[in-house]
Amino acid sequence: MGVLPNPIGSNLRASVNRSMEFNLRGDLAKLDSSALNDRIEQFFAEYERLRAPIGLVSPVRAPFLPEFTGRPRSRGPFRALIFYQIILLIGGEFYWTRNGRLYIIECELKDMLDECQRRIDQGDQ
């Protein structure tokens, strides 16, 4: 017999991971809902504009290697722009390149969506 997945363990892991995040995005909390919405739309538009050319390029890679886009997969434990830039630099990428800018936009969008979720959870309008 195979081992069944333990849903309690996965929930506990998610809870521990969430508790180890430090949200340093007070700037988003100060925005009203309409300004936050405008900012989200602006970042989505820029993300789509930058992401479009990537689909035209077919990188050559070994079939046994995982696909790598050149961007980190995680925001890290600290939620702030300066830490996202540090993560990029550690990974050998710069934030002004297309891949770097895409990573920054993805992190910013996740932060803004987290802020929207926080407002929903607290009942803010």
PDB file of N, CA and C in Angstrom:
ATOM      1  N   MET A   1       0.827  -1.193   0.000  1.00  0.00           N
ATOM      2  CA  MET A   1       0.000   0.000   0.000  1.00  0.00           C
ATOM      3  C   MET A   1       0.868   1.253   0.000  1.00  0.00           C
ATOM      4  N   GLY A   2       0.372   2.244  -0.705  1.00  0.00           N
ATOM      5  CA  GLY A   2       1.082   3.511  -0.760  1.00  0.00           C
ATOM      6  C   GLY A   2       0.765   4.367   0.453  1.00  0.00           C
ATOM      7  N   VAL A   3       1.549   5.379   0.637  1.00  0.00           N
ATOM      8  CA  VAL A   3       1.332   6.302   1.745  1.00  0.00           C
ATOM      9  C   VAL A   3       0.346   7.360   1.306  1.00  0.00           C
ATOM     10  N   LEU A   4      -0.682   7.571   2.125  1.00  0.00           N
ATOM     11  CA  LEU A   4      -1.675   8.600   1.818  1.00  0.00           C
ATOM     12  C   LEU A   4      -1.141   9.962   2.241  1.00  0.00           C
ATOM     13  N   PRO A   5      -1.460  11.008   1.482  1.00  0.00           N
ATOM     14  CA  PRO A   5      -1.008  12.348   1.883  1.00  0.00           C
ATOM     15  C   PRO A   5      -1.685  12.772   3.177  1.00  0.00           C
ATOM     16  N   ASN A   6      -0.965  13.497   3.968  1.00  0.00           N
ATOM     17  CA  ASN A   6      -1.477  13.975   5.248  1.00  0.00           C
ATOM     18  C   ASN A   6      -1.926  15.421   5.099  1.00  0.00           C
ATOM     19  N   PRO A   7      -3.247  15.668   5.028  1.00  0.00           N
ATOM     20  CA  PRO A   7      -3.700  17.049   4.837  1.00  0.00           C
ATOM     21  C   PRO A   7      -3.392  17.942   6.030  1.00  0.00           C
ATOM     22  N   ILE A   8      -3.310  17.359   7.214  1.00  0.00           N
ATOM     23  CA  ILE A   8      -3.009  18.170   8.396  1.00  0.00           C
ATOM     24  C   ILE A   8      -1.583  18.691   8.301  1.00  0.00           C
ATOM     25  N   GLY A   9      -0.659  17.834   7.872  1.00  0.00           N
ATOM     26  CA  GLY A   9       0.737  18.258   7.737  1.00  0.00           C
ATOM     27  C   GLY A   9       0.909  19.352   6.709  1.00  0.00           C
ATOM     28  N   SER A  10       0.192  19.246   5.576  1.00  0.00           N
ATOM     29  CA  SER A  10       0.332  20.269   4.550  1.00  0.00           C
ATOM     30  C   SER A  10      -0.261  21.594   5.017  1.00  0.00           C
ATOM     31  N   ASN A  11      -1.366  21.539   5.764  1.00  0.00           N
ATOM     32  CA  ASN A  11      -1.948  22.772   6.311  1.00  0.00           C
ATOM     33  C   ASN A  11      -1.022  23.401   7.336  1.00  0.00           C
ATOM     34  N   LEU A  12      -0.386  22.559   8.135  1.00  0.00           N
ATOM     35  CA  LEU A  12       0.550  23.067   9.127  1.00  0.00           C
ATOM     36  C   LEU A  12       1.741  23.728   8.446  1.00  0.00           C
ATOM     37  N   ARG A  13       2.268  23.094   7.386  1.00  0.00           N
ATOM     38  CA  ARG A  13       3.383  23.682   6.641  1.00  0.00           C
ATOM     39  C   ARG A  13       2.993  25.032   6.059  1.00  0.00           C
ATOM     40  N   ALA A  14       1.802  25.118   5.465  1.00  0.00           N
ATOM     41  CA  ALA A  14       1.342  26.383   4.888  1.00  0.00           C
ATOM     42  C   ALA A  14       1.215  27.440   5.966  1.00  0.00           C
ATOM     43  N   SER A  15       0.721  27.049   7.130  1.00  0.00           N
ATOM     44  CA  SER A  15       0.556  27.986   8.227  1.00  0.00           C
ATOM     45  C   SER A  15       1.909  28.474   8.735  1.00  0.00           C
ATOM     46  N   VAL A  16       2.880  27.573   8.850  1.00  0.00           N
ATOM     47  CA  VAL A  16       4.218  27.967   9.300  1.00  0.00           C
ATOM     48  C   VAL A  16       4.860  28.881   8.271  1.00  0.00           C
ATOM     49  N   ASN A  17       4.739  28.544   6.979  1.00  0.00           N
ATOM     50  CA  ASN A  17       5.308  29.396   5.934  1.00  0.00           C
ATOM     51  C   ASN A  17       4.695  30.779   5.966  1.00  0.00           C
ATOM     52  N   ARG A  18       3.378  30.861   6.149  1.00  0.00           N
ATOM     53  CA  ARG A  18       2.697  32.152   6.174  1.00  0.00           C
ATOM     54  C   ARG A  18       3.140  32.965   7.385  1.00  0.00           C
ATOM     55  N   SER A  19       3.385  32.307   8.513  1.00  0.00           N
ATOM     56  CA  SER A  19       3.763  33.045   9.720  1.00  0.00           C
ATOM     57  C   SER A  19       5.196  33.566   9.643  1.00  0.00           C
ATOM     58  N   MET A  20       5.990  33.056   8.714  1.00  0.00           N
ATOM     59  CA  MET A  20       7.370  33.498   8.594  1.00  0.00           C
ATOM     60  C   MET A  20       7.524  34.614   7.567  1.00  0.00           C
ATOM     61  N   GLU A  21       6.434  35.193   7.127  1.00  0.00           N
ATOM     62  CA  GLU A  21       6.485  36.310   6.192  1.00  0.00           C
ATOM     63  C   GLU A  21       6.372  37.614   6.969  1.00  0.00           C
ATOM     64  N   PHE A  22       7.137  38.594   6.536  1.00  0.00           N
ATOM     65  CA  PHE A  22       7.116  39.897   7.179  1.00  0.00           C
ATOM     66  C   PHE A  22       6.682  40.934   6.152  1.00  0.00           C
ATOM     67  N   ASN A  23       5.462  41.415   6.279  1.00  0.00           N
ATOM     68  CA  ASN A  23       4.920  42.379   5.333  1.00  0.00           C
ATOM     69  C   ASN A  23       5.401  43.772   5.712  1.00  0.00           C
ATOM     70  N   LEU A  24       6.221  44.334   4.865  1.00  0.00           N
ATOM     71  CA  LEU A  24       6.763  45.672   5.093  1.00  0.00           C
ATOM     72  C   LEU A  24       6.160  46.674   4.114  1.00  0.00           C
ATOM     73  N   ARG A  25       4.973  46.380   3.605  1.00  0.00           N
ATOM     74  CA  ARG A  25       4.343  47.200   2.581  1.00  0.00           C
ATOM     75  C   ARG A  25       3.281  48.127   3.176  1.00  0.00           C
ATOM     76  N   GLY A  26       3.691  48.986   4.069  1.00  0.00           N
ATOM     77  CA  GLY A  26       2.790  49.972   4.640  1.00  0.00           C
ATOM     78  C   GLY A  26       2.288  50.967   3.602  1.00  0.00           C
ATOM     79  N   ASP A  27       3.055  51.136   2.513  1.00  0.00           N
ATOM     80  CA  ASP A  27       2.635  52.048   1.453  1.00  0.00           C
ATOM     81  C   ASP A  27       1.341  51.577   0.803  1.00  0.00           C
ATOM     82  N   LEU A  28       1.151  50.268   0.697  1.00  0.00           N
ATOM     83  CA  LEU A  28      -0.089  49.745   0.105  1.00  0.00           C
ATOM     84  C   LEU A  28      -1.271  49.904   1.051  1.00  0.00           C
ATOM     85  N   ALA A  29      -1.017  49.789   2.340  1.00  0.00           N
ATOM     86  CA  ALA A  29      -2.087  49.938   3.316  1.00  0.00           C
ATOM     87  C   ALA A  29      -2.619  51.372   3.345  1.00  0.00           C
ATOM     88  N   LYS A  30      -1.781  52.330   2.985  1.00  0.00           N
ATOM     89  CA  LYS A  30      -2.193  53.740   2.994  1.00  0.00           C
ATOM     90  C   LYS A  30      -3.039  54.117   1.783  1.00  0.00           C
ATOM     91  N   LEU A  31      -2.994  53.314   0.719  1.00  0.00           N
ATOM     92  CA  LEU A  31      -3.770  53.614  -0.489  1.00  0.00           C
ATOM     93  C   LEU A  31      -5.246  53.317  -0.262  1.00  0.00           C
ATOM     94  N   ASP A  32      -6.109  54.167  -0.837  1.00  0.00           N
ATOM     95  CA  ASP A  32      -7.534  53.830  -0.795  1.00  0.00           C
ATOM     96  C   ASP A  32      -7.815  52.782  -1.868  1.00  0.00           C
ATOM     97  N   SER A  33      -9.004  52.210  -1.844  1.00  0.00           N
ATOM     98  CA  SER A  33      -9.332  51.083  -2.731  1.00  0.00           C
ATOM     99  C   SER A  33      -9.212  51.440  -4.205  1.00  0.00           C
ATOM    100  N   SER A  34      -9.643  52.640  -4.584  1.00  0.00           N
ATOM    101  CA  SER A  34      -9.579  53.007  -5.998  1.00  0.00           C
ATOM    102  C   SER A  34      -8.138  53.195  -6.459  1.00  0.00           C
ATOM    103  N   ALA A  35      -7.283  53.773  -5.618  1.00  0.00           N
ATOM    104  CA  ALA A  35      -5.878  53.942  -5.977  1.00  0.00           C
ATOM    105  C   ALA A  35      -5.182  52.579  -6.066  1.00  0.00           C
ATOM    106  N   LEU A  36      -5.536  51.669  -5.158  1.00  0.00           N
ATOM    107  CA  LEU A  36      -4.969  50.327  -5.205  1.00  0.00           C
ATOM    108  C   LEU A  36      -5.409  49.604  -6.475  1.00  0.00           C
ATOM    109  N   ASN A  37      -6.679  49.752  -6.828  1.00  0.00           N
ATOM    110  CA  ASN A  37      -7.196  49.142  -8.057  1.00  0.00           C
ATOM    111  C   ASN A  37      -6.489  49.705  -9.291  1.00  0.00           C
ATOM    112  N   ASP A  38      -6.303  51.018  -9.338  1.00  0.00           N
ATOM    113  CA  ASP A  38      -5.592  51.640 -10.462  1.00  0.00           C
ATOM    114  C   ASP A  38      -4.166  51.113 -10.573  1.00  0.00           C
ATOM    115  N   ARG A  39      -3.523  50.970  -9.434  1.00  0.00           N
ATOM    116  CA  ARG A  39      -2.142  50.487  -9.426  1.00  0.00           C
ATOM    117  C   ARG A  39      -2.067  49.032  -9.899  1.00  0.00           C
ATOM    118  N   ILE A  40      -3.017  48.206  -9.463  1.00  0.00           N
ATOM    119  CA  ILE A  40      -3.059  46.811  -9.906  1.00  0.00           C
ATOM    120  C   ILE A  40      -3.241  46.748 -11.420  1.00  0.00           C
ATOM    121  N   GLU A  41      -4.166  47.542 -11.957  1.00  0.00           N
ATOM    122  CA  GLU A  41      -4.398  47.550 -13.401  1.00  0.00           C
ATOM    123  C   GLU A  41      -3.153  48.008 -14.160  1.00  0.00           C
ATOM    124  N   GLN A  42      -2.465  49.019 -13.631  1.00  0.00           N
ATOM    125  CA  GLN A  42      -1.241  49.518 -14.265  1.00  0.00           C
ATOM    126  C   GLN A  42      -0.170  48.426 -14.299  1.00  0.00           C
ATOM    127  N   PHE A  43       0.015  47.714 -13.195  1.00  0.00           N
ATOM    128  CA  PHE A  43       1.033  46.672 -13.152  1.00  0.00           C
ATOM    129  C   PHE A  43       0.664  45.487 -14.036  1.00  0.00           C
ATOM    130  N   PHE A  44      -0.627  45.112 -14.079  1.00  0.00           N
ATOM    131  CA  PHE A  44      -1.038  44.031 -14.971  1.00  0.00           C
ATOM    132  C   PHE A  44      -0.780  44.396 -16.433  1.00  0.00           C
ATOM    133  N   ALA A  45      -1.055  45.642 -16.808  1.00  0.00           N
ATOM    134  CA  ALA A  45      -0.820  46.081 -18.184  1.00  0.00           C
ATOM    135  C   ALA A  45       0.675  46.017 -18.522  1.00  0.00           C
ATOM    136  N   GLU A  46       1.509  46.484 -17.596  1.00  0.00           N
ATOM    137  CA  GLU A  46       2.955  46.439 -17.843  1.00  0.00           C
ATOM    138  C   GLU A  46       3.451  44.999 -17.889  1.00  0.00           C
ATOM    139  N   TYR A  47       2.905  44.142 -17.027  1.00  0.00           N
ATOM    140  CA  TYR A  47       3.285  42.733 -17.005  1.00  0.00           C
ATOM    141  C   TYR A  47       2.966  42.063 -18.334  1.00  0.00           C
ATOM    142  N   GLU A  48       1.762  42.300 -18.847  1.00  0.00           N
ATOM    143  CA  GLU A  48       1.370  41.705 -20.131  1.00  0.00           C
ATOM    144  C   GLU A  48       2.224  42.233 -21.281  1.00  0.00           C
ATOM    145  N   ARG A  49       2.564  43.517 -21.227  1.00  0.00           N
ATOM    146  CA  ARG A  49       3.398  44.118 -22.275  1.00  0.00           C
ATOM    147  C   ARG A  49       4.798  43.500 -22.273  1.00  0.00           C
ATOM    148  N   LEU A  50       5.376  43.300 -21.086  1.00  0.00           N
ATOM    149  CA  LEU A  50       6.724  42.738 -21.002  1.00  0.00           C
ATOM    150  C   LEU A  50       6.739  41.233 -21.252  1.00  0.00           C
ATOM    151  N   ARG A  51       5.681  40.564 -20.895  1.00  0.00           N
ATOM    152  CA  ARG A  51       5.640  39.110 -21.001  1.00  0.00           C
ATOM    153  C   ARG A  51       5.403  38.646 -22.437  1.00  0.00           C
ATOM    154  N   ALA A  52       4.740  39.430 -23.240  1.00  0.00           N
ATOM    155  CA  ALA A  52       4.383  39.033 -24.604  1.00  0.00           C
ATOM    156  C   ALA A  52       5.586  38.581 -25.440  1.00  0.00           C
ATOM    157  N   PRO A  53       6.700  39.301 -25.461  1.00  0.00           N
ATOM    158  CA  PRO A  53       7.820  38.873 -26.304  1.00  0.00           C
ATOM    159  C   PRO A  53       8.454  37.549 -25.876  1.00  0.00           C
ATOM    160  N   ILE A  54       8.279  37.152 -24.628  1.00  0.00           N
ATOM    161  CA  ILE A  54       8.910  35.926 -24.138  1.00  0.00           C
ATOM    162  C   ILE A  54       8.358  34.712 -24.868  1.00  0.00           C
ATOM    163  N   GLY A  55       7.087  34.716 -25.213  1.00  0.00           N
ATOM    164  CA  GLY A  55       6.486  33.581 -25.896  1.00  0.00           C
ATOM    165  C   GLY A  55       7.051  33.358 -27.285  1.00  0.00           C
ATOM    166  N   LEU A  56       7.655  34.363 -27.880  1.00  0.00           N
ATOM    167  CA  LEU A  56       8.207  34.236 -29.224  1.00  0.00           C
ATOM    168  C   LEU A  56       9.578  33.575 -29.231  1.00  0.00           C
ATOM    169  N   VAL A  57      10.239  33.542 -28.101  1.00  0.00           N
ATOM    170  CA  VAL A  57      11.583  32.992 -28.010  1.00  0.00           C
ATOM    171  C   VAL A  57      11.492  31.548 -27.534  1.00  0.00           C
ATOM    172  N   SER A  58      12.182  30.665 -28.209  1.00  0.00           N
ATOM    173  CA  SER A  58      12.220  29.256 -27.809  1.00  0.00           C
ATOM    174  C   SER A  58      13.629  28.938 -27.332  1.00  0.00           C
ATOM    175  N   PRO A  59      13.859  28.969 -26.016  1.00  0.00           N
ATOM    176  CA  PRO A  59      15.213  28.735 -25.531  1.00  0.00           C
ATOM    177  C   PRO A  59      15.636  27.291 -25.760  1.00  0.00           C
ATOM    178  N   VAL A  60      16.914  27.109 -26.041  1.00  0.00           N
ATOM    179  CA  VAL A  60      17.461  25.769 -26.225  1.00  0.00           C
ATOM    180  C   VAL A  60      17.897  25.278 -24.847  1.00  0.00           C
ATOM    181  N   ARG A  61      17.412  24.109 -24.474  1.00  0.00           N
ATOM    182  CA  ARG A  61      17.791  23.557 -23.185  1.00  0.00           C
ATOM    183  C   ARG A  61      17.750  22.043 -23.254  1.00  0.00           C
ATOM    184  N   ALA A  62      18.455  21.417 -22.342  1.00  0.00           N
ATOM    185  CA  ALA A  62      18.456  19.959 -22.281  1.00  0.00           C
ATOM    186  C   ALA A  62      17.095  19.493 -21.768  1.00  0.00           C
ATOM    187  N   PRO A  63      16.519  18.439 -22.351  1.00  0.00           N
ATOM    188  CA  PRO A  63      15.180  18.002 -21.950  1.00  0.00           C
ATOM    189  C   PRO A  63      15.102  17.487 -20.522  1.00  0.00           C
ATOM    190  N   PHE A  64      16.219  17.095 -19.926  1.00  0.00           N
ATOM    191  CA  PHE A  64      16.177  16.569 -18.560  1.00  0.00           C
ATOM    192  C   PHE A  64      16.313  17.659 -17.503  1.00  0.00           C
ATOM    193  N   LEU A  65      16.610  18.887 -17.914  1.00  0.00           N
ATOM    194  CA  LEU A  65      16.734  19.987 -16.971  1.00  0.00           C
ATOM    195  C   LEU A  65      15.397  20.686 -16.798  1.00  0.00           C
ATOM    196  N   PRO A  66      15.093  21.162 -15.593  1.00  0.00           N
ATOM    197  CA  PRO A  66      13.842  21.910 -15.409  1.00  0.00           C
ATOM    198  C   PRO A  66      13.904  23.233 -16.164  1.00  0.00           C
ATOM    199  N   GLU A  67      12.755  23.696 -16.586  1.00  0.00           N
ATOM    200  CA  GLU A  67      12.709  24.967 -17.309  1.00  0.00           C
ATOM    201  C   GLU A  67      13.006  26.098 -16.345  1.00  0.00           C
ATOM    202  N   PHE A  68      13.849  27.007 -16.754  1.00  0.00           N
ATOM    203  CA  PHE A  68      14.237  28.128 -15.908  1.00  0.00           C
ATOM    204  C   PHE A  68      14.014  29.418 -16.679  1.00  0.00           C
ATOM    205  N   THR A  69      13.241  30.314 -16.115  1.00  0.00           N
ATOM    206  CA  THR A  69      12.923  31.564 -16.794  1.00  0.00           C
ATOM    207  C   THR A  69      13.914  32.658 -16.451  1.00  0.00           C
ATOM    208  N   GLY A  70      14.813  32.393 -15.511  1.00  0.00           N
ATOM    209  CA  GLY A  70      15.757  33.422 -15.118  1.00  0.00           C
ATOM    210  C   GLY A  70      15.258  34.269 -13.973  1.00  0.00           C
ATOM    211  N   ARG A  71      14.077  33.955 -13.450  1.00  0.00           N
ATOM    212  CA  ARG A  71      13.521  34.708 -12.327  1.00  0.00           C
ATOM    213  C   ARG A  71      13.378  33.788 -11.126  1.00  0.00           C
ATOM    214  N   PRO A  72      13.602  34.308  -9.931  1.00  0.00           N
ATOM    215  CA  PRO A  72      13.345  33.495  -8.734  1.00  0.00           C
ATOM    216  C   PRO A  72      11.869  33.117  -8.667  1.00  0.00           C
ATOM    217  N   ARG A  73      11.574  32.032  -7.994  1.00  0.00           N
ATOM    218  CA  ARG A  73      10.196  31.557  -7.893  1.00  0.00           C
ATOM    219  C   ARG A  73       9.471  32.115  -6.672  1.00  0.00           C
ATOM    220  N   SER A  74      10.191  32.672  -5.734  1.00  0.00           N
ATOM    221  CA  SER A  74       9.592  33.092  -4.470  1.00  0.00           C
ATOM    222  C   SER A  74       9.888  34.558  -4.197  1.00  0.00           C
ATOM    223  N   ARG A  75       9.030  35.151  -3.375  1.00  0.00           N
ATOM    224  CA  ARG A  75       9.265  36.529  -2.956  1.00  0.00           C
ATOM    225  C   ARG A  75      10.205  36.588  -1.766  1.00  0.00           C
ATOM    226  N   GLY A  76      10.406  35.476  -1.093  1.00  0.00           N
ATOM    227  CA  GLY A  76      11.215  35.463   0.117  1.00  0.00           C
ATOM    228  C   GLY A  76      10.365  35.855   1.318  1.00  0.00           C
ATOM    229  N   PRO A  77      10.944  35.861   2.501  1.00  0.00           N
ATOM    230  CA  PRO A  77      10.154  36.124   3.706  1.00  0.00           C
ATOM    231  C   PRO A  77       9.832  37.604   3.937  1.00  0.00           C
ATOM    232  N   PHE A  78      10.585  38.505   3.322  1.00  0.00           N
ATOM    233  CA  PHE A  78      10.383  39.934   3.546  1.00  0.00           C
ATOM    234  C   PHE A  78       9.671  40.555   2.353  1.00  0.00           C
ATOM    235  N   ARG A  79       8.529  41.167   2.597  1.00  0.00           N
ATOM    236  CA  ARG A  79       7.699  41.758   1.553  1.00  0.00           C
ATOM    237  C   ARG A  79       8.016  43.243   1.404  1.00  0.00           C
ATOM    238  N   ALA A  80       9.018  43.542   0.596  1.00  0.00           N
ATOM    239  CA  ALA A  80       9.400  44.924   0.306  1.00  0.00           C
ATOM    240  C   ALA A  80      10.240  44.938  -0.961  1.00  0.00           C
ATOM    241  N   LEU A  81      10.138  46.007  -1.724  1.00  0.00           N
ATOM    242  CA  LEU A  81      10.815  46.133  -3.011  1.00  0.00           C
ATOM    243  C   LEU A  81      12.325  45.939  -2.892  1.00  0.00           C
ATOM    244  N   ILE A  82      12.941  46.508  -1.869  1.00  0.00           N
ATOM    245  CA  ILE A  82      14.390  46.403  -1.732  1.00  0.00           C
ATOM    246  C   ILE A  82      14.824  44.948  -1.576  1.00  0.00           C
ATOM    247  N   PHE A  83      14.040  44.137  -0.892  1.00  0.00           N
ATOM    248  CA  PHE A  83      14.391  42.722  -0.715  1.00  0.00           C
ATOM    249  C   PHE A  83      14.208  41.947  -2.011  1.00  0.00           C
ATOM    250  N   TYR A  84      13.219  42.321  -2.812  1.00  0.00           N
ATOM    251  CA  TYR A  84      13.046  41.673  -4.121  1.00  0.00           C
ATOM    252  C   TYR A  84      14.243  41.972  -5.019  1.00  0.00           C
ATOM    253  N   GLN A  85      14.742  43.197  -4.947  1.00  0.00           N
ATOM    254  CA  GLN A  85      15.909  43.561  -5.741  1.00  0.00           C
ATOM    255  C   GLN A  85      17.152  42.817  -5.265  1.00  0.00           C
ATOM    256  N   ILE A  86      17.276  42.624  -3.963  1.00  0.00           N
ATOM    257  CA  ILE A  86      18.413  41.872  -3.420  1.00  0.00           C
ATOM    258  C   ILE A  86      18.353  40.417  -3.878  1.00  0.00           C
ATOM    259  N   ILE A  87      17.145  39.821  -3.849  1.00  0.00           N
ATOM    260  CA  ILE A  87      16.982  38.439  -4.301  1.00  0.00           C
ATOM    261  C   ILE A  87      17.406  38.313  -5.760  1.00  0.00           C
ATOM    262  N   LEU A  88      17.031  39.299  -6.571  1.00  0.00           N
ATOM    263  CA  LEU A  88      17.445  39.280  -7.980  1.00  0.00           C
ATOM    264  C   LEU A  88      18.958  39.342  -8.113  1.00  0.00           C
ATOM    265  N   LEU A  89      19.580  40.242  -7.372  1.00  0.00           N
ATOM    266  CA  LEU A  89      21.038  40.395  -7.462  1.00  0.00           C
ATOM    267  C   LEU A  89      21.756  39.124  -7.021  1.00  0.00           C
ATOM    268  N   ILE A  90      21.261  38.490  -5.967  1.00  0.00           N
ATOM    269  CA  ILE A  90      21.859  37.236  -5.507  1.00  0.00           C
ATOM    270  C   ILE A  90      21.752  36.183  -6.604  1.00  0.00           C
ATOM    271  N   GLY A  91      20.637  36.199  -7.338  1.00  0.00           N
ATOM    272  CA  GLY A  91      20.440  35.248  -8.425  1.00  0.00           C
ATOM    273  C   GLY A  91      21.159  35.623  -9.710  1.00  0.00           C
ATOM    274  N   GLY A  92      21.876  36.759  -9.718  1.00  0.00           N
ATOM    275  CA  GLY A  92      22.644  37.151 -10.893  1.00  0.00           C
ATOM    276  C   GLY A  92      21.833  37.917 -11.923  1.00  0.00           C
ATOM    277  N   GLU A  93      20.708  38.457 -11.534  1.00  0.00           N
ATOM    278  CA  GLU A  93      19.845  39.207 -12.454  1.00  0.00           C
ATOM    279  C   GLU A  93      19.739  40.643 -11.940  1.00  0.00           C
ATOM    280  N   PHE A  94      19.450  41.575 -12.827  1.00  0.00           N
ATOM    281  CA  PHE A  94      19.268  42.968 -12.436  1.00  0.00           C
ATOM    282  C   PHE A  94      17.814  43.362 -12.620  1.00  0.00           C
ATOM    283  N   TYR A  95      17.334  44.257 -11.772  1.00  0.00           N
ATOM    284  CA  TYR A  95      15.915  44.610 -11.802  1.00  0.00           C
ATOM    285  C   TYR A  95      15.527  45.451 -13.009  1.00  0.00           C
ATOM    286  N   TRP A  96      16.490  45.983 -13.755  1.00  0.00           N
ATOM    287  CA  TRP A  96      16.127  46.791 -14.926  1.00  0.00           C
ATOM    288  C   TRP A  96      16.071  45.955 -16.206  1.00  0.00           C
ATOM    289  N   THR A  97      16.453  44.681 -16.150  1.00  0.00           N
ATOM    290  CA  THR A  97      16.305  43.816 -17.316  1.00  0.00           C
ATOM    291  C   THR A  97      14.856  43.349 -17.423  1.00  0.00           C
ATOM    292  N   ARG A  98      14.486  42.767 -18.559  1.00  0.00           N
ATOM    293  CA  ARG A  98      13.099  42.322 -18.734  1.00  0.00           C
ATOM    294  C   ARG A  98      12.726  41.250 -17.715  1.00  0.00           C
ATOM    295  N   ASN A  99      13.575  40.241 -17.541  1.00  0.00           N
ATOM    296  CA  ASN A  99      13.283  39.205 -16.555  1.00  0.00           C
ATOM    297  C   ASN A  99      13.240  39.763 -15.138  1.00  0.00           C
ATOM    298  N   GLY A 100      14.153  40.653 -14.847  1.00  0.00           N
ATOM    299  CA  GLY A 100      14.155  41.280 -13.523  1.00  0.00           C
ATOM    300  C   GLY A 100      12.911  42.108 -13.297  1.00  0.00           C
ATOM    301  N   ARG A 101      12.524  42.877 -14.301  1.00  0.00           N
ATOM    302  CA  ARG A 101      11.317  43.707 -14.172  1.00  0.00           C
ATOM    303  C   ARG A 101      10.072  42.830 -14.030  1.00  0.00           C
ATOM    304  N   LEU A 102      10.014  41.728 -14.769  1.00  0.00           N
ATOM    305  CA  LEU A 102       8.877  40.810 -14.637  1.00  0.00           C
ATOM    306  C   LEU A 102       8.788  40.246 -13.225  1.00  0.00           C
ATOM    307  N   TYR A 103       9.930  39.883 -12.657  1.00  0.00           N
ATOM    308  CA  TYR A 103       9.943  39.364 -11.289  1.00  0.00           C
ATOM    309  C   TYR A 103       9.443  40.423 -10.305  1.00  0.00           C
ATOM    310  N   ILE A 104       9.938  41.648 -10.455  1.00  0.00           N
ATOM    311  CA  ILE A 104       9.512  42.735  -9.565  1.00  0.00           C
ATOM    312  C   ILE A 104       8.007  42.963  -9.699  1.00  0.00           C
ATOM    313  N   ILE A 105       7.495  42.977 -10.920  1.00  0.00           N
ATOM    314  CA  ILE A 105       6.061  43.189 -11.136  1.00  0.00           C
ATOM    315  C   ILE A 105       5.254  42.055 -10.521  1.00  0.00           C
ATOM    316  N   GLU A 106       5.712  40.799 -10.693  1.00  0.00           N
ATOM    317  CA  GLU A 106       5.008  39.666 -10.092  1.00  0.00           C
ATOM    318  C   GLU A 106       4.946  39.820  -8.572  1.00  0.00           C
ATOM    319  N   CYS A 107       6.056  40.209  -7.964  1.00  0.00           N
ATOM    320  CA  CYS A 107       6.084  40.401  -6.514  1.00  0.00           C
ATOM    321  C   CYS A 107       5.160  41.541  -6.093  1.00  0.00           C
ATOM    322  N   GLU A 108       5.205  42.647  -6.821  1.00  0.00           N
ATOM    323  CA  GLU A 108       4.349  43.791  -6.505  1.00  0.00           C
ATOM    324  C   GLU A 108       2.875  43.404  -6.617  1.00  0.00           C
ATOM    325  N   LEU A 109       2.535  42.677  -7.691  1.00  0.00           N
ATOM    326  CA  LEU A 109       1.145  42.261  -7.866  1.00  0.00           C
ATOM    327  C   LEU A 109       0.705  41.337  -6.736  1.00  0.00           C
ATOM    328  N   LYS A 110       1.562  40.405  -6.352  1.00  0.00           N
ATOM    329  CA  LYS A 110       1.224  39.520  -5.236  1.00  0.00           C
ATOM    330  C   LYS A 110       1.033  40.318  -3.949  1.00  0.00           C
ATOM    331  N   ASP A 111       1.887  41.316  -3.730  1.00  0.00           N
ATOM    332  CA  ASP A 111       1.741  42.168  -2.548  1.00  0.00           C
ATOM    333  C   ASP A 111       0.415  42.923  -2.576  1.00  0.00           C
ATOM    334  N   MET A 112       0.061  43.454  -3.749  1.00  0.00           N
ATOM    335  CA  MET A 112      -1.195  44.196  -3.852  1.00  0.00           C
ATOM    336  C   MET A 112      -2.399  43.282  -3.668  1.00  0.00           C
ATOM    337  N   LEU A 113      -2.329  42.090  -4.214  1.00  0.00           N
ATOM    338  CA  LEU A 113      -3.425  41.140  -4.025  1.00  0.00           C
ATOM    339  C   LEU A 113      -3.500  40.668  -2.578  1.00  0.00           C
ATOM    340  N   ASP A 114      -2.357  40.531  -1.912  1.00  0.00           N
ATOM    341  CA  ASP A 114      -2.353  40.223  -0.479  1.00  0.00           C
ATOM    342  C   ASP A 114      -3.022  41.345   0.313  1.00  0.00           C
ATOM    343  N   GLU A 115      -2.747  42.586  -0.085  1.00  0.00           N
ATOM    344  CA  GLU A 115      -3.369  43.727   0.589  1.00  0.00           C
ATOM    345  C   GLU A 115      -4.879  43.722   0.375  1.00  0.00           C
ATOM    346  N   CYS A 116      -5.323  43.393  -0.831  1.00  0.00           N
ATOM    347  CA  CYS A 116      -6.765  43.281  -1.094  1.00  0.00           C
ATOM    348  C   CYS A 116      -7.382  42.197  -0.220  1.00  0.00           C
ATOM    349  N   GLN A 117      -6.707  41.048  -0.104  1.00  0.00           N
ATOM    350  CA  GLN A 117      -7.207  39.967   0.727  1.00  0.00           C
ATOM    351  C   GLN A 117      -7.253  40.378   2.194  1.00  0.00           C
ATOM    352  N   ARG A 118      -6.237  41.111   2.645  1.00  0.00           N
ATOM    353  CA  ARG A 118      -6.222  41.598   4.032  1.00  0.00           C
ATOM    354  C   ARG A 118      -7.409  42.501   4.302  1.00  0.00           C
ATOM    355  N   ARG A 119      -7.712  43.365   3.335  1.00  0.00           N
ATOM    356  CA  ARG A 119      -8.854  44.272   3.506  1.00  0.00           C
ATOM    357  C   ARG A 119     -10.173  43.512   3.518  1.00  0.00           C
ATOM    358  N   ILE A 120     -10.275  42.490   2.692  1.00  0.00           N
ATOM    359  CA  ILE A 120     -11.495  41.672   2.681  1.00  0.00           C
ATOM    360  C   ILE A 120     -11.644  40.944   4.014  1.00  0.00           C
ATOM    361  N   ASP A 121     -10.543  40.372   4.501  1.00  0.00           N
ATOM    362  CA  ASP A 121     -10.582  39.633   5.760  1.00  0.00           C
ATOM    363  C   ASP A 121     -10.951  40.534   6.946  1.00  0.00           C
ATOM    364  N   GLN A 122     -10.502  41.792   6.908  1.00  0.00           N
ATOM    365  CA  GLN A 122     -10.800  42.719   7.987  1.00  0.00           C
ATOM    366  C   GLN A 122     -12.110  43.469   7.786  1.00  0.00           C
ATOM    367  N   GLY A 123     -12.715  43.310   6.630  1.00  0.00           N
ATOM    368  CA  GLY A 123     -13.975  43.988   6.360  1.00  0.00           C
ATOM    369  C   GLY A 123     -13.814  45.437   5.959  1.00  0.00           C
ATOM    370  N   ASP A 124     -12.596  45.845   5.554  1.00  0.00           N
ATOM    371  CA  ASP A 124     -12.365  47.216   5.090  1.00  0.00           C
ATOM    372  C   ASP A 124     -12.971  47.379   3.699  1.00  0.00           C
ATOM    373  N   GLN A 125     -13.307  48.599   3.371  1.00  0.00           N
ATOM    374  CA  GLN A 125     -13.854  48.872   2.029  1.00  0.00           C
ATOM    375  C   GLN A 125     -12.810  49.518   1.178  1.00  0.00           C
TER     376      GLN A 125
END
